[in-house]
C-alpha cells in the first residue's frame, strides 16, 4: 500500500458526527499505552499524525483519519489503566462497544497486545466481545523490538495459549521502531479492500 495522503478528519464520541460517506473503516483498539498511536503513525508514514503520549489514556475520543481519500483508520480509546474517573471510563466503554456493534462501514478491528506481557483479563473480555458480535479481528503483538530473540517465539506462543487461539489464527508481530510487521498488516488491509471492491 502506497499512502499518498493521510489526514486527521475529526474527533468525537457522538455517532451522529461520524463520517457519512460509508468508506471502509479499520479500527485500532488495545490497552492503554500498548503502542496504538505509534503503530498507526508507522503504517501511515506520518510521524505525529496520531498523538502519542507516555501518559496512558491519551486517546479519549474516537478519532477518524482519512487515508488516500479511500478509507478511514479509526483510533479508538484505550482500555485498562488510563487515568480517568470511573464514570468517564464507563462512557468510553459504551461508546466503543456501540461503535463496534453498530458501525456498518467497519471492516476490521486491529486488536493490539503488548508482546512483552501475557494478555490481561480485559484483553480476554474484549476478544470474547469481538467474537460474539462477529467483527473480523486481527491480533497484533506490539513492541516486538523490545524482546530478546530468545523471547520472541515463546511470547507469541504465550499469547496464543492464553487466548485459546486456533492454529490458523494470525498474530502479527509488530515494531513501530523497526517496522517489522508493517508489510503483513497492510497485506490484510489491502485484501479486505480488494474484497470490498469486488463486491461493489
N, C-alpha and C. Protein backbone atom coordinates (compact mmCIF):
# COMPACT_ATOMS: atom_id res chain seq x y z
N UNK A 1 0.84 -1.20 0.00
CA UNK A 1 0.00 0.00 0.00
C UNK A 1 0.88 1.25 0.00
N UNK A 2 0.68 2.10 -0.98
CA UNK A 2 1.37 3.39 -1.02
C UNK A 2 0.41 4.44 -0.45
N UNK A 3 0.80 5.04 0.66
CA UNK A 3 -0.03 6.06 1.28
C UNK A 3 0.34 7.42 0.68
N UNK A 4 -0.57 7.97 -0.09
CA UNK A 4 -0.33 9.28 -0.72
C UNK A 4 -0.85 10.42 0.13
N UNK A 5 -1.96 10.19 0.83
CA UNK A 5 -2.50 11.20 1.74
C UNK A 5 -3.01 10.52 3.00
N UNK A 6 -2.79 11.16 4.14
CA UNK A 6 -3.31 10.68 5.41
C UNK A 6 -3.56 11.90 6.28
N UNK A 7 -4.82 12.14 6.58
CA UNK A 7 -5.18 13.37 7.29
C UNK A 7 -6.18 13.11 8.41
N UNK A 8 -5.99 13.82 9.51
CA UNK A 8 -6.96 13.76 10.61
C UNK A 8 -8.25 14.42 10.14
N UNK A 9 -9.38 13.75 10.40
CA UNK A 9 -10.68 14.27 9.97
C UNK A 9 -11.45 14.86 11.13
N UNK A 10 -11.68 14.05 12.17
CA UNK A 10 -12.45 14.55 13.29
C UNK A 10 -12.29 13.65 14.51
N UNK A 11 -12.65 14.20 15.66
CA UNK A 11 -12.60 13.51 16.92
C UNK A 11 -13.95 13.69 17.60
N UNK A 12 -14.59 12.57 17.97
CA UNK A 12 -15.94 12.68 18.52
C UNK A 12 -16.29 11.45 19.34
N UNK A 13 -17.32 11.56 20.17
CA UNK A 13 -17.88 10.39 20.84
C UNK A 13 -19.36 10.24 20.46
N UNK A 14 -19.81 11.08 19.53
CA UNK A 14 -21.23 11.04 19.13
C UNK A 14 -21.37 10.40 17.75
N UNK A 15 -22.16 9.36 17.66
CA UNK A 15 -22.29 8.63 16.41
C UNK A 15 -22.83 9.49 15.28
N UNK A 16 -23.63 10.49 15.61
CA UNK A 16 -24.18 11.35 14.56
C UNK A 16 -23.11 12.19 13.89
N UNK A 17 -21.93 12.27 14.51
CA UNK A 17 -20.84 13.04 13.93
C UNK A 17 -19.84 12.18 13.16
N UNK A 18 -20.05 10.87 13.13
CA UNK A 18 -19.14 10.01 12.37
C UNK A 18 -19.24 10.34 10.88
N UNK A 19 -18.18 10.05 10.10
CA UNK A 19 -18.25 10.28 8.65
C UNK A 19 -19.45 9.57 8.03
N UNK A 20 -20.04 10.21 7.05
CA UNK A 20 -21.27 9.70 6.45
C UNK A 20 -21.08 9.18 5.03
N UNK A 21 -19.82 9.11 4.55
CA UNK A 21 -19.60 8.71 3.16
C UNK A 21 -19.47 7.20 2.97
N UNK A 22 -19.57 6.45 4.08
CA UNK A 22 -19.61 4.98 4.04
C UNK A 22 -18.34 4.33 3.48
N UNK A 23 -17.23 5.03 3.53
CA UNK A 23 -15.96 4.39 3.14
C UNK A 23 -15.60 3.31 4.17
N UNK A 24 -14.86 2.29 3.77
CA UNK A 24 -14.45 1.25 4.71
C UNK A 24 -13.64 1.84 5.88
N UNK A 25 -13.85 1.27 7.06
CA UNK A 25 -13.15 1.74 8.25
C UNK A 25 -12.38 0.60 8.90
N UNK A 26 -11.16 0.91 9.33
CA UNK A 26 -10.30 -0.05 10.02
C UNK A 26 -9.99 0.53 11.40
N UNK A 27 -10.49 -0.12 12.45
CA UNK A 27 -10.38 0.43 13.79
C UNK A 27 -9.24 -0.23 14.56
N UNK A 28 -8.56 0.59 15.37
CA UNK A 28 -7.41 0.12 16.15
C UNK A 28 -7.76 0.25 17.63
N UNK A 29 -7.56 -0.86 18.34
CA UNK A 29 -8.02 -0.93 19.73
C UNK A 29 -7.02 -1.71 20.57
N UNK A 30 -6.82 -1.28 21.80
CA UNK A 30 -5.92 -2.00 22.68
C UNK A 30 -5.81 -1.34 24.03
N UNK A 31 -5.12 -2.00 24.90
CA UNK A 31 -4.90 -1.50 26.25
C UNK A 31 -4.17 -0.15 26.19
N UNK A 32 -4.43 0.69 27.15
CA UNK A 32 -3.74 1.98 27.22
C UNK A 32 -2.22 1.77 27.18
N UNK A 33 -1.56 2.57 26.38
CA UNK A 33 -0.09 2.56 26.28
C UNK A 33 0.46 1.30 25.59
N UNK A 34 -0.37 0.64 24.76
CA UNK A 34 0.09 -0.56 24.07
C UNK A 34 0.85 -0.21 22.79
N UNK A 35 0.82 1.06 22.40
CA UNK A 35 1.55 1.48 21.21
C UNK A 35 0.66 1.69 20.01
N UNK A 36 -0.61 2.00 20.26
CA UNK A 36 -1.60 2.13 19.18
C UNK A 36 -1.27 3.30 18.26
N UNK A 37 -1.04 4.47 18.83
CA UNK A 37 -0.76 5.64 18.00
C UNK A 37 0.55 5.48 17.23
N UNK A 38 1.55 4.88 17.86
CA UNK A 38 2.83 4.65 17.19
C UNK A 38 2.67 3.70 16.01
N UNK A 39 1.84 2.67 16.19
CA UNK A 39 1.59 1.73 15.10
C UNK A 39 0.90 2.43 13.94
N UNK A 40 -0.12 3.24 14.22
CA UNK A 40 -0.83 3.93 13.15
C UNK A 40 0.09 4.89 12.41
N UNK A 41 0.90 5.62 13.15
CA UNK A 41 1.84 6.55 12.51
C UNK A 41 2.84 5.80 11.64
N UNK A 42 3.29 4.63 12.10
CA UNK A 42 4.24 3.83 11.32
C UNK A 42 3.58 3.32 10.03
N UNK A 43 2.33 2.87 10.12
CA UNK A 43 1.63 2.39 8.94
C UNK A 43 1.44 3.51 7.92
N UNK A 44 1.11 4.69 8.41
CA UNK A 44 0.80 5.80 7.52
C UNK A 44 2.04 6.58 7.09
N UNK A 45 3.16 6.33 7.75
CA UNK A 45 4.39 7.02 7.40
C UNK A 45 4.36 8.50 7.72
N UNK A 46 3.57 8.88 8.73
CA UNK A 46 3.47 10.28 9.12
C UNK A 46 3.65 10.39 10.64
N UNK A 47 4.82 10.78 11.04
CA UNK A 47 5.12 10.89 12.46
C UNK A 47 4.27 11.99 13.09
N UNK A 48 3.60 11.63 14.18
CA UNK A 48 2.84 12.63 14.92
C UNK A 48 1.41 12.83 14.45
N UNK A 49 0.97 12.08 13.43
CA UNK A 49 -0.42 12.24 12.96
C UNK A 49 -1.39 11.79 14.06
N UNK A 50 -1.20 10.56 14.54
CA UNK A 50 -1.93 10.11 15.73
C UNK A 50 -1.07 10.48 16.93
N UNK A 51 -1.65 11.16 17.90
CA UNK A 51 -0.89 11.70 19.02
C UNK A 51 -0.45 10.61 19.98
N UNK A 52 0.86 10.55 20.22
CA UNK A 52 1.41 9.58 21.16
C UNK A 52 1.68 10.28 22.48
N UNK A 53 1.73 9.49 23.55
CA UNK A 53 1.97 10.05 24.86
C UNK A 53 2.49 8.98 25.78
N UNK A 54 3.36 9.36 26.74
CA UNK A 54 3.81 8.42 27.76
C UNK A 54 2.76 8.26 28.84
N UNK A 55 1.74 9.10 28.81
CA UNK A 55 0.65 9.01 29.78
C UNK A 55 -0.46 8.12 29.23
N UNK A 56 -0.73 6.99 29.90
CA UNK A 56 -1.79 6.10 29.40
C UNK A 56 -3.13 6.81 29.31
N UNK A 57 -3.90 6.46 28.28
CA UNK A 57 -5.23 7.03 28.15
C UNK A 57 -5.26 8.34 27.40
N UNK A 58 -4.27 8.60 26.57
CA UNK A 58 -4.23 9.85 25.81
C UNK A 58 -5.46 9.97 24.88
N UNK A 59 -5.80 8.85 24.22
CA UNK A 59 -6.95 8.87 23.32
C UNK A 59 -8.23 8.68 24.13
N UNK A 60 -9.08 9.69 24.15
CA UNK A 60 -10.31 9.63 24.93
C UNK A 60 -11.55 9.78 24.06
N UNK A 61 -11.34 9.89 22.77
CA UNK A 61 -12.45 10.00 21.83
C UNK A 61 -12.19 9.05 20.67
N UNK A 62 -13.16 8.93 19.76
CA UNK A 62 -12.96 8.16 18.54
C UNK A 62 -12.43 9.12 17.48
N UNK A 63 -11.24 8.83 16.98
CA UNK A 63 -10.56 9.71 16.03
C UNK A 63 -10.52 9.07 14.65
N UNK A 64 -10.95 9.82 13.65
CA UNK A 64 -11.01 9.34 12.27
C UNK A 64 -9.90 9.98 11.43
N UNK A 65 -9.20 9.14 10.66
CA UNK A 65 -8.14 9.59 9.77
C UNK A 65 -8.46 9.13 8.35
N UNK A 66 -8.48 10.06 7.43
CA UNK A 66 -8.76 9.76 6.02
C UNK A 66 -7.46 9.30 5.35
N UNK A 67 -7.47 8.10 4.76
CA UNK A 67 -6.29 7.55 4.10
C UNK A 67 -6.56 7.44 2.61
N UNK A 68 -5.75 8.13 1.84
CA UNK A 68 -5.83 8.09 0.37
C UNK A 68 -7.20 8.48 -0.17
N UNK A 69 -7.98 9.19 0.63
CA UNK A 69 -9.34 9.57 0.24
C UNK A 69 -10.13 8.33 -0.19
N UNK A 70 -9.81 7.21 0.45
CA UNK A 70 -10.40 5.92 0.05
C UNK A 70 -11.00 5.16 1.23
N UNK A 71 -10.37 5.27 2.41
CA UNK A 71 -10.85 4.56 3.59
C UNK A 71 -10.38 5.32 4.83
N UNK A 72 -10.85 4.86 5.98
CA UNK A 72 -10.51 5.52 7.25
C UNK A 72 -9.77 4.58 8.19
N UNK A 73 -8.78 5.11 8.89
CA UNK A 73 -8.25 4.49 10.09
C UNK A 73 -9.00 5.14 11.25
N UNK A 74 -9.41 4.32 12.21
CA UNK A 74 -10.17 4.82 13.35
C UNK A 74 -9.43 4.46 14.64
N UNK A 75 -9.03 5.47 15.37
CA UNK A 75 -8.29 5.31 16.61
C UNK A 75 -9.29 5.31 17.77
N UNK A 76 -9.47 4.14 18.39
CA UNK A 76 -10.43 4.01 19.49
C UNK A 76 -9.75 4.21 20.84
N UNK A 77 -10.49 4.70 21.84
CA UNK A 77 -9.90 4.91 23.17
C UNK A 77 -9.32 3.63 23.74
N UNK A 78 -8.16 3.74 24.38
CA UNK A 78 -7.54 2.59 25.02
C UNK A 78 -8.29 2.20 26.28
N UNK A 79 -8.09 0.97 26.72
CA UNK A 79 -8.74 0.50 27.94
C UNK A 79 -7.65 0.06 28.91
N UNK A 80 -8.01 -0.10 30.17
CA UNK A 80 -7.02 -0.56 31.14
C UNK A 80 -6.76 0.47 32.20
N UNK A 81 -5.51 0.95 32.26
CA UNK A 81 -5.12 1.77 33.40
C UNK A 81 -5.08 3.26 33.09
N UNK A 82 -5.90 3.71 32.16
CA UNK A 82 -5.95 5.15 31.86
C UNK A 82 -6.37 5.92 33.10
N UNK A 83 -5.70 7.05 33.32
CA UNK A 83 -6.01 7.88 34.49
C UNK A 83 -7.24 8.74 34.20
N UNK A 84 -8.39 8.18 34.52
CA UNK A 84 -9.64 8.89 34.28
C UNK A 84 -10.66 8.42 35.30
N UNK A 85 -11.63 9.28 35.65
CA UNK A 85 -12.68 8.86 36.58
C UNK A 85 -13.45 7.67 36.05
N UNK A 86 -13.96 6.84 36.95
CA UNK A 86 -14.70 5.64 36.56
C UNK A 86 -15.88 5.98 35.66
N UNK A 87 -16.55 7.09 35.94
CA UNK A 87 -17.70 7.49 35.13
C UNK A 87 -17.29 7.74 33.69
N UNK A 88 -16.12 8.38 33.51
CA UNK A 88 -15.61 8.66 32.16
C UNK A 88 -15.22 7.36 31.47
N UNK A 89 -14.56 6.47 32.21
CA UNK A 89 -14.18 5.17 31.63
C UNK A 89 -15.41 4.40 31.16
N UNK A 90 -16.47 4.43 31.97
CA UNK A 90 -17.70 3.73 31.60
C UNK A 90 -18.28 4.29 30.31
N UNK A 91 -18.21 5.61 30.16
CA UNK A 91 -18.71 6.25 28.94
C UNK A 91 -17.88 5.80 27.74
N UNK A 92 -16.54 5.77 27.90
CA UNK A 92 -15.69 5.31 26.81
C UNK A 92 -16.11 3.92 26.38
N UNK A 93 -16.35 3.02 27.38
CA UNK A 93 -16.71 1.65 27.06
C UNK A 93 -18.00 1.57 26.26
N UNK A 94 -18.99 2.35 26.66
CA UNK A 94 -20.27 2.34 25.95
C UNK A 94 -20.11 2.84 24.52
N UNK A 95 -19.33 3.91 24.37
CA UNK A 95 -19.12 4.50 23.04
C UNK A 95 -18.41 3.51 22.12
N UNK A 96 -17.35 2.88 22.62
CA UNK A 96 -16.57 1.93 21.81
C UNK A 96 -17.40 0.71 21.47
N UNK A 97 -18.11 0.16 22.46
CA UNK A 97 -18.95 -1.02 22.20
C UNK A 97 -20.00 -0.72 21.14
N UNK A 98 -20.64 0.43 21.24
CA UNK A 98 -21.67 0.80 20.27
C UNK A 98 -21.07 0.97 18.88
N UNK A 99 -19.90 1.59 18.81
CA UNK A 99 -19.24 1.76 17.51
C UNK A 99 -18.97 0.39 16.88
N UNK A 100 -18.39 -0.52 17.64
CA UNK A 100 -18.03 -1.83 17.10
C UNK A 100 -19.26 -2.64 16.70
N UNK A 101 -20.29 -2.59 17.52
CA UNK A 101 -21.50 -3.38 17.25
C UNK A 101 -22.34 -2.82 16.10
N UNK A 102 -22.38 -1.50 15.97
CA UNK A 102 -23.37 -0.88 15.10
C UNK A 102 -22.81 -0.20 13.86
N UNK A 103 -21.51 -0.02 13.77
CA UNK A 103 -20.94 0.77 12.68
C UNK A 103 -20.84 -0.06 11.40
N UNK A 104 -21.69 0.20 10.45
CA UNK A 104 -21.76 -0.60 9.22
C UNK A 104 -20.48 -0.55 8.39
N UNK A 105 -19.81 0.60 8.23
CA UNK A 105 -18.60 0.62 7.39
C UNK A 105 -17.38 -0.07 8.02
N UNK A 106 -17.49 -0.49 9.28
CA UNK A 106 -16.35 -1.13 9.95
C UNK A 106 -16.03 -2.46 9.29
N UNK A 107 -14.80 -2.60 8.81
CA UNK A 107 -14.38 -3.82 8.11
C UNK A 107 -13.47 -4.70 8.95
N UNK A 108 -12.73 -4.09 9.88
CA UNK A 108 -11.74 -4.85 10.64
C UNK A 108 -11.40 -4.11 11.93
N UNK A 109 -11.28 -4.87 13.02
CA UNK A 109 -10.71 -4.33 14.26
C UNK A 109 -9.30 -4.91 14.40
N UNK A 110 -8.33 -4.03 14.51
CA UNK A 110 -6.96 -4.43 14.76
C UNK A 110 -6.75 -4.32 16.27
N UNK A 111 -6.66 -5.46 16.93
CA UNK A 111 -6.53 -5.51 18.39
C UNK A 111 -5.06 -5.66 18.76
N UNK A 112 -4.55 -4.70 19.51
CA UNK A 112 -3.14 -4.68 19.86
C UNK A 112 -2.91 -5.31 21.23
N UNK A 113 -1.84 -6.10 21.31
CA UNK A 113 -1.42 -6.72 22.56
C UNK A 113 0.07 -6.44 22.74
N UNK A 114 0.49 -6.13 23.95
CA UNK A 114 1.91 -5.88 24.24
C UNK A 114 2.62 -7.23 24.26
N UNK A 115 3.54 -7.42 23.33
CA UNK A 115 4.21 -8.73 23.20
C UNK A 115 5.04 -9.10 24.43
N UNK A 116 5.34 -8.11 25.27
CA UNK A 116 6.19 -8.38 26.44
C UNK A 116 5.43 -9.02 27.59
N UNK A 117 4.10 -8.92 27.55
CA UNK A 117 3.29 -9.37 28.69
C UNK A 117 2.21 -10.35 28.26
N UNK A 118 1.76 -11.15 29.20
CA UNK A 118 0.63 -12.04 28.94
C UNK A 118 -0.64 -11.20 28.78
N UNK A 119 -1.57 -11.65 27.96
CA UNK A 119 -2.83 -10.91 27.80
C UNK A 119 -3.53 -10.72 29.14
N UNK A 120 -4.13 -9.54 29.32
CA UNK A 120 -4.82 -9.21 30.56
C UNK A 120 -6.24 -9.76 30.55
N UNK A 121 -6.91 -9.68 31.69
CA UNK A 121 -8.31 -10.10 31.77
C UNK A 121 -9.16 -9.26 30.82
N UNK A 122 -8.83 -7.98 30.70
CA UNK A 122 -9.59 -7.11 29.79
C UNK A 122 -9.36 -7.47 28.33
N UNK A 123 -8.15 -7.94 28.01
CA UNK A 123 -7.89 -8.42 26.65
C UNK A 123 -8.80 -9.61 26.34
N UNK A 124 -8.94 -10.52 27.31
CA UNK A 124 -9.82 -11.68 27.14
C UNK A 124 -11.26 -11.24 26.90
N UNK A 125 -11.72 -10.31 27.72
CA UNK A 125 -13.11 -9.84 27.62
C UNK A 125 -13.35 -9.19 26.26
N UNK A 126 -12.39 -8.38 25.81
CA UNK A 126 -12.54 -7.70 24.53
C UNK A 126 -12.59 -8.69 23.38
N UNK A 127 -11.69 -9.67 23.39
CA UNK A 127 -11.66 -10.64 22.30
C UNK A 127 -12.95 -11.47 22.27
N UNK A 128 -13.47 -11.82 23.45
CA UNK A 128 -14.74 -12.55 23.52
C UNK A 128 -15.87 -11.70 22.95
N UNK A 129 -15.85 -10.40 23.27
CA UNK A 129 -16.87 -9.48 22.75
C UNK A 129 -16.80 -9.40 21.23
N UNK A 130 -15.59 -9.25 20.69
CA UNK A 130 -15.42 -9.16 19.24
C UNK A 130 -15.89 -10.44 18.55
N UNK A 131 -15.62 -11.56 19.18
CA UNK A 131 -16.05 -12.84 18.63
C UNK A 131 -17.58 -12.96 18.67
N UNK A 132 -18.15 -12.49 19.76
CA UNK A 132 -19.61 -12.59 19.93
C UNK A 132 -20.35 -11.74 18.91
N UNK A 133 -19.84 -10.54 18.63
CA UNK A 133 -20.53 -9.65 17.68
C UNK A 133 -20.07 -9.90 16.24
N UNK A 134 -19.17 -10.89 16.08
CA UNK A 134 -18.73 -11.35 14.76
C UNK A 134 -18.10 -10.26 13.92
N UNK A 135 -17.21 -9.50 14.55
CA UNK A 135 -16.45 -8.48 13.84
C UNK A 135 -15.08 -9.07 13.47
N UNK A 136 -14.68 -9.03 12.20
CA UNK A 136 -13.35 -9.53 11.82
C UNK A 136 -12.27 -8.84 12.65
N UNK A 137 -11.36 -9.64 13.18
CA UNK A 137 -10.36 -9.11 14.11
C UNK A 137 -8.98 -9.63 13.74
N UNK A 138 -8.00 -8.74 13.77
CA UNK A 138 -6.60 -9.10 13.56
C UNK A 138 -5.82 -8.77 14.82
N UNK A 139 -5.10 -9.77 15.35
CA UNK A 139 -4.30 -9.55 16.55
C UNK A 139 -2.88 -9.14 16.17
N UNK A 140 -2.39 -8.10 16.84
CA UNK A 140 -1.04 -7.60 16.58
C UNK A 140 -0.28 -7.53 17.90
N UNK A 141 0.89 -8.15 17.92
CA UNK A 141 1.76 -8.13 19.11
C UNK A 141 2.76 -6.99 18.97
N UNK A 142 2.57 -5.93 19.72
CA UNK A 142 3.37 -4.71 19.56
C UNK A 142 4.67 -4.76 20.37
N UNK A 143 5.52 -3.77 20.09
CA UNK A 143 6.78 -3.56 20.81
C UNK A 143 7.68 -4.79 20.71
N UNK A 144 7.65 -5.44 19.55
CA UNK A 144 8.39 -6.68 19.35
C UNK A 144 9.90 -6.46 19.39
N UNK A 145 10.32 -5.25 19.06
CA UNK A 145 11.76 -4.95 19.08
C UNK A 145 12.33 -4.96 20.50
N UNK A 146 11.47 -4.87 21.50
CA UNK A 146 11.92 -4.82 22.89
C UNK A 146 12.18 -6.22 23.46
N UNK A 147 11.82 -7.24 22.69
CA UNK A 147 12.05 -8.61 23.14
C UNK A 147 13.41 -9.12 22.69
N UNK A 148 14.04 -9.93 23.52
CA UNK A 148 15.25 -10.63 23.09
C UNK A 148 14.84 -11.68 22.06
N UNK A 149 15.77 -12.02 21.21
CA UNK A 149 15.47 -13.01 20.17
C UNK A 149 14.95 -14.31 20.77
N UNK A 150 15.50 -14.69 21.92
CA UNK A 150 15.09 -15.94 22.57
C UNK A 150 13.68 -15.87 23.14
N UNK A 151 13.15 -14.66 23.32
CA UNK A 151 11.82 -14.49 23.91
C UNK A 151 10.70 -14.44 22.87
N UNK A 152 11.05 -14.19 21.64
CA UNK A 152 10.03 -13.87 20.64
C UNK A 152 9.04 -15.01 20.40
N UNK A 153 9.54 -16.16 20.03
CA UNK A 153 8.65 -17.29 19.76
C UNK A 153 7.86 -17.66 21.00
N UNK A 154 8.54 -17.68 22.15
CA UNK A 154 7.90 -18.06 23.40
C UNK A 154 6.75 -17.11 23.76
N UNK A 155 6.97 -15.80 23.57
CA UNK A 155 5.94 -14.84 23.93
C UNK A 155 4.74 -14.90 22.99
N UNK A 156 4.99 -15.16 21.71
CA UNK A 156 3.87 -15.32 20.78
C UNK A 156 3.05 -16.55 21.13
N UNK A 157 3.73 -17.63 21.50
CA UNK A 157 3.03 -18.85 21.90
C UNK A 157 2.23 -18.61 23.18
N UNK A 158 2.77 -17.80 24.08
CA UNK A 158 2.06 -17.48 25.33
C UNK A 158 0.75 -16.74 25.03
N UNK A 159 0.80 -15.82 24.06
CA UNK A 159 -0.41 -15.09 23.67
C UNK A 159 -1.44 -16.06 23.09
N UNK A 160 -0.98 -16.94 22.21
CA UNK A 160 -1.88 -17.91 21.57
C UNK A 160 -2.55 -18.81 22.61
N UNK A 161 -1.74 -19.31 23.53
CA UNK A 161 -2.27 -20.23 24.54
C UNK A 161 -3.22 -19.50 25.49
N UNK A 162 -2.85 -18.30 25.91
CA UNK A 162 -3.67 -17.56 26.87
C UNK A 162 -5.03 -17.21 26.29
N UNK A 163 -5.07 -16.93 24.99
CA UNK A 163 -6.33 -16.54 24.35
C UNK A 163 -7.02 -17.71 23.66
N UNK A 164 -6.45 -18.90 23.81
CA UNK A 164 -7.03 -20.12 23.22
C UNK A 164 -7.29 -19.94 21.73
N UNK A 165 -6.28 -19.45 21.01
CA UNK A 165 -6.44 -19.19 19.58
C UNK A 165 -6.27 -20.48 18.79
N UNK A 166 -6.95 -20.55 17.67
CA UNK A 166 -6.80 -21.69 16.78
C UNK A 166 -5.44 -21.62 16.10
N UNK A 167 -5.01 -22.74 15.56
CA UNK A 167 -3.68 -22.80 14.95
C UNK A 167 -3.53 -21.85 13.77
N UNK A 168 -4.62 -21.61 13.05
CA UNK A 168 -4.53 -20.77 11.87
C UNK A 168 -4.82 -19.30 12.16
N UNK A 169 -5.07 -18.95 13.42
CA UNK A 169 -5.29 -17.55 13.77
C UNK A 169 -4.01 -16.76 13.60
N UNK A 170 -4.10 -15.63 12.90
CA UNK A 170 -2.93 -14.82 12.61
C UNK A 170 -2.64 -13.86 13.75
N UNK A 171 -1.41 -13.89 14.25
CA UNK A 171 -0.92 -12.90 15.21
C UNK A 171 0.30 -12.25 14.58
N UNK A 172 0.21 -10.96 14.29
CA UNK A 172 1.29 -10.27 13.58
C UNK A 172 2.24 -9.62 14.58
N UNK A 173 3.51 -10.03 14.62
CA UNK A 173 4.49 -9.32 15.45
C UNK A 173 4.77 -7.96 14.81
N UNK A 174 4.82 -6.90 15.64
CA UNK A 174 4.97 -5.56 15.07
C UNK A 174 5.91 -4.71 15.92
N UNK A 175 6.68 -3.90 15.23
CA UNK A 175 7.53 -2.91 15.89
C UNK A 175 7.43 -1.58 15.15
N UNK A 176 7.03 -0.54 15.86
CA UNK A 176 6.98 0.78 15.26
C UNK A 176 8.39 1.33 15.02
N UNK A 177 9.38 0.74 15.68
CA UNK A 177 10.78 1.19 15.55
C UNK A 177 11.42 0.59 14.31
N UNK A 178 11.34 -0.75 14.17
CA UNK A 178 11.99 -1.43 13.05
C UNK A 178 11.07 -1.61 11.84
N UNK A 179 9.77 -1.34 12.06
CA UNK A 179 8.73 -1.52 11.03
C UNK A 179 8.44 -2.99 10.73
N UNK A 180 8.94 -3.89 11.57
CA UNK A 180 8.59 -5.30 11.40
C UNK A 180 7.08 -5.46 11.53
N UNK A 181 6.48 -6.20 10.61
CA UNK A 181 5.05 -6.45 10.63
C UNK A 181 4.24 -5.45 9.81
N UNK A 182 4.86 -4.37 9.38
CA UNK A 182 4.13 -3.35 8.63
C UNK A 182 3.59 -3.92 7.32
N UNK A 183 4.43 -4.65 6.60
CA UNK A 183 4.02 -5.22 5.32
C UNK A 183 2.88 -6.21 5.50
N UNK A 184 2.96 -7.03 6.55
CA UNK A 184 1.94 -8.04 6.80
C UNK A 184 0.59 -7.40 7.16
N UNK A 185 0.65 -6.32 7.94
CA UNK A 185 -0.57 -5.61 8.32
C UNK A 185 -1.25 -5.00 7.11
N UNK A 186 -0.46 -4.35 6.28
CA UNK A 186 -1.02 -3.74 5.07
C UNK A 186 -1.60 -4.80 4.13
N UNK A 187 -0.98 -5.98 4.11
CA UNK A 187 -1.47 -7.05 3.24
C UNK A 187 -2.90 -7.45 3.62
N UNK A 188 -3.16 -7.53 4.92
CA UNK A 188 -4.51 -7.88 5.39
C UNK A 188 -5.50 -6.78 5.02
N UNK A 189 -5.11 -5.53 5.24
CA UNK A 189 -5.99 -4.39 4.92
C UNK A 189 -6.28 -4.35 3.42
N UNK A 190 -5.24 -4.54 2.61
CA UNK A 190 -5.43 -4.50 1.15
C UNK A 190 -6.34 -5.63 0.67
N UNK A 191 -6.22 -6.79 1.29
CA UNK A 191 -7.07 -7.91 0.91
C UNK A 191 -8.54 -7.58 1.18
N UNK A 192 -8.81 -6.97 2.34
CA UNK A 192 -10.18 -6.59 2.68
C UNK A 192 -10.70 -5.53 1.73
N UNK A 193 -9.86 -4.58 1.39
CA UNK A 193 -10.27 -3.53 0.44
C UNK A 193 -10.57 -4.10 -0.94
N UNK A 194 -9.77 -5.07 -1.36
CA UNK A 194 -9.99 -5.66 -2.68
C UNK A 194 -11.27 -6.49 -2.69
N UNK A 195 -11.60 -7.14 -1.55
CA UNK A 195 -12.85 -7.88 -1.44
C UNK A 195 -14.03 -6.93 -1.54
N UNK A 196 -13.90 -5.79 -0.87
CA UNK A 196 -14.97 -4.79 -0.89
C UNK A 196 -15.17 -4.26 -2.31
N UNK A 197 -14.04 -4.02 -3.01
CA UNK A 197 -14.13 -3.51 -4.39
C UNK A 197 -14.79 -4.53 -5.30
N UNK A 198 -14.51 -5.81 -5.05
CA UNK A 198 -15.09 -6.86 -5.87
C UNK A 198 -16.57 -7.02 -5.67
N UNK A 199 -17.06 -6.60 -4.50
CA UNK A 199 -18.50 -6.71 -4.20
C UNK A 199 -19.29 -5.52 -4.72
N UNK A 200 -18.60 -4.41 -4.99
CA UNK A 200 -19.30 -3.19 -5.39
C UNK A 200 -19.59 -3.16 -6.89
